[in-house]
Protein backbone atom coordinates (compact mmCIF):
# COMPACT_ATOMS: atom_id res chain seq x y z
CA MET A 1 28.10 -0.52 -26.41
CA ILE A 2 26.62 -3.36 -28.50
CA ILE A 3 26.99 -1.37 -31.73
CA ASN A 4 30.67 -0.78 -30.95
CA ASP A 5 31.20 -4.50 -30.29
CA VAL A 6 29.56 -5.43 -33.59
CA TYR A 7 31.59 -2.79 -35.42
CA ASP A 8 34.85 -3.98 -33.81
CA LYS A 9 34.07 -7.59 -34.72
CA MET A 10 33.26 -6.58 -38.29
CA ILE A 11 36.53 -4.62 -38.64
CA LYS A 12 38.55 -7.55 -37.23
CA ASN A 13 36.82 -9.85 -39.69
CA ILE A 14 37.59 -7.55 -42.63
CA ASN A 15 41.22 -7.10 -41.52
CA SER A 16 41.63 -10.86 -41.17
CA ARG A 17 40.24 -11.33 -44.67
CA ALA A 18 42.46 -8.52 -45.98
CA ASN A 19 45.47 -10.39 -44.65
CA MET A 20 44.32 -13.55 -46.43
CA ILE A 21 43.63 -11.65 -49.66
CA GLY A 22 47.07 -10.04 -49.40
CA ILE A 23 48.73 -13.45 -49.15
CA MET A 24 46.68 -14.72 -52.09
CA THR A 25 47.62 -11.64 -54.13
CA ARG A 26 51.30 -12.07 -53.34
CA ASN A 27 51.12 -15.71 -54.41
CA MET A 28 49.32 -14.79 -57.67
CA MET A 29 52.02 -12.24 -58.46
CA VAL A 30 54.85 -14.69 -57.78
CA GLN A 31 53.22 -17.38 -59.91
CA ARG A 32 52.76 -14.92 -62.79
CA ILE A 33 56.36 -13.78 -62.52
CA GLN A 34 57.58 -17.37 -62.58
CA ARG A 35 55.51 -17.97 -65.72
CA GLY A 36 57.41 -15.05 -67.30
CA PHE A 37 54.86 -12.23 -67.43
CA ASP A 38 54.95 -8.59 -66.30
CA LYS A 39 52.22 -6.55 -64.62
CA ASP A 40 50.60 -5.87 -68.00
CA GLY A 41 50.47 -9.59 -68.82
CA GLN A 42 53.25 -9.28 -71.39
CA PRO A 43 56.29 -11.60 -71.57
CA PHE A 44 59.36 -10.23 -69.84
CA LYS A 45 62.12 -8.62 -71.85
CA ASP A 46 64.85 -11.17 -72.52
CA TYR A 47 67.96 -11.53 -70.35
CA THR A 48 71.23 -10.22 -71.75
CA ASP A 49 73.36 -12.80 -73.58
CA LYS A 50 75.96 -12.59 -70.82
CA TYR A 51 73.39 -13.30 -68.10
CA LYS A 52 71.85 -16.13 -70.17
CA ARG A 53 75.26 -17.83 -70.36
CA PHE A 54 75.79 -17.37 -66.62
CA LYS A 55 72.34 -18.64 -65.69
CA ALA A 56 72.43 -21.58 -68.11
CA GLY A 57 75.93 -22.45 -66.91
CA SER A 58 74.49 -22.70 -63.39
CA GLY A 59 71.84 -25.15 -64.58
CA ARG A 60 69.03 -22.61 -64.37
CA VAL A 61 66.14 -22.05 -66.78
CA ILE A 62 66.65 -19.11 -69.15
CA SER A 63 63.32 -19.30 -70.96
CA PRO A 64 60.85 -18.06 -70.11
CA VAL A 65 62.48 -15.16 -68.30
CA ASN A 66 61.18 -15.73 -64.77
CA LEU A 67 63.35 -13.44 -62.61
CA THR A 68 64.34 -16.46 -60.54
CA PHE A 69 67.85 -17.60 -59.79
CA ARG A 70 67.79 -18.60 -56.14
CA PHE A 71 64.22 -17.40 -55.54
CA LYS A 72 65.42 -14.85 -52.95
CA MET A 73 63.85 -11.83 -54.63
CA LEU A 74 60.44 -13.44 -55.05
CA ARG A 75 60.54 -14.98 -51.58
CA ALA A 76 61.12 -11.48 -50.19
CA ILE A 77 57.78 -10.24 -51.54
CA SER A 78 55.58 -10.00 -48.47
CA SER A 79 52.12 -8.80 -47.57
CA LYS A 80 50.51 -7.41 -44.46
CA ALA A 81 47.09 -6.20 -43.53
CA ILE A 82 46.69 -2.49 -43.03
CA GLU A 83 43.58 -0.53 -42.15
CA GLY A 84 41.20 -0.91 -45.05
CA GLY A 85 43.26 -3.43 -47.01
CA PHE A 86 46.75 -4.81 -47.37
CA GLU A 87 50.09 -3.81 -48.77
CA LEU A 88 52.75 -5.71 -50.65
CA PHE A 89 56.38 -4.93 -49.95
CA PHE A 90 59.88 -6.37 -49.97
CA SER A 91 61.07 -7.72 -46.64
CA SER A 92 64.68 -7.26 -47.77
CA TYR A 93 66.21 -4.01 -48.97
CA LYS A 94 68.76 -5.96 -51.02
CA GLU A 95 66.00 -7.85 -52.83
CA ALA A 96 64.04 -4.61 -53.35
CA LEU A 97 67.11 -3.18 -55.11
CA LYS A 98 67.33 -6.31 -57.26
CA ALA A 99 63.65 -5.90 -58.13
CA GLN A 100 64.17 -2.26 -59.07
CA GLY A 101 67.07 -3.30 -61.30
CA ASN A 102 64.78 -5.69 -63.18
CA ILE A 103 62.10 -3.02 -63.48
CA ASP A 104 64.70 -0.55 -64.81
CA LYS A 105 65.69 -3.16 -67.43
CA GLY A 106 62.13 -3.31 -68.76
CA ARG A 107 60.81 -6.21 -66.67
CA ASP A 108 58.15 -4.35 -64.72
CA PHE A 109 56.51 -7.02 -62.62
CA TRP A 110 55.52 -4.87 -59.62
CA GLY A 111 51.77 -4.50 -59.73
CA LEU A 112 48.71 -6.43 -60.75
CA THR A 113 47.41 -7.39 -64.15
CA SER A 114 43.87 -6.21 -64.81
CA ARG A 115 42.66 -9.78 -64.20
CA GLU A 116 44.51 -9.97 -60.87
CA TYR A 117 43.14 -6.56 -59.89
CA ASP A 118 39.58 -7.66 -60.67
CA PHE A 119 40.11 -10.81 -58.58
CA VAL A 120 41.30 -8.77 -55.58
CA VAL A 121 38.42 -6.28 -55.85
CA ASP A 122 35.94 -9.15 -56.09
CA LYS A 123 37.44 -10.85 -53.01
CA PHE A 124 37.26 -7.60 -51.02
CA ASN A 125 33.67 -6.94 -52.08
CA LYS A 126 32.65 -10.45 -51.04
CA SER A 127 34.50 -10.06 -47.74
CA ILE A 128 32.71 -6.83 -46.95
CA GLU A 129 29.34 -8.34 -47.87
CA GLU A 130 30.02 -11.34 -45.62
CA ALA A 131 31.21 -9.13 -42.76
CA LEU A 132 27.99 -7.12 -42.93
CA ARG A 133 25.82 -10.21 -42.54
């Protein structure tokens, strides 16, 4: 009975931390995207001339390419804890389609840079170590 209670508490602790790490990861991704970099840390492919004129005409920034017009797509990136970790997803199908359109145009932002990945792994390792104490 006591072992089960300790195990349950440890799992709740890890899941709570996974939720926090998921939120942090989502925020890191959004910040990177807004700085104009893809999942490989490379600058995004430029907007088409037509879209640049449209975006600039609306008073929006066209450089760096930041995949932001009204921030709907990036705001729709969500995270949730799942058993053993977390997942990132789009809370809106419409925004997921918009994201796929950007990816298809060579602006592949969906994923983590190697630095972001290392950060997440480090956070999880520390969380597990702390949960085992």
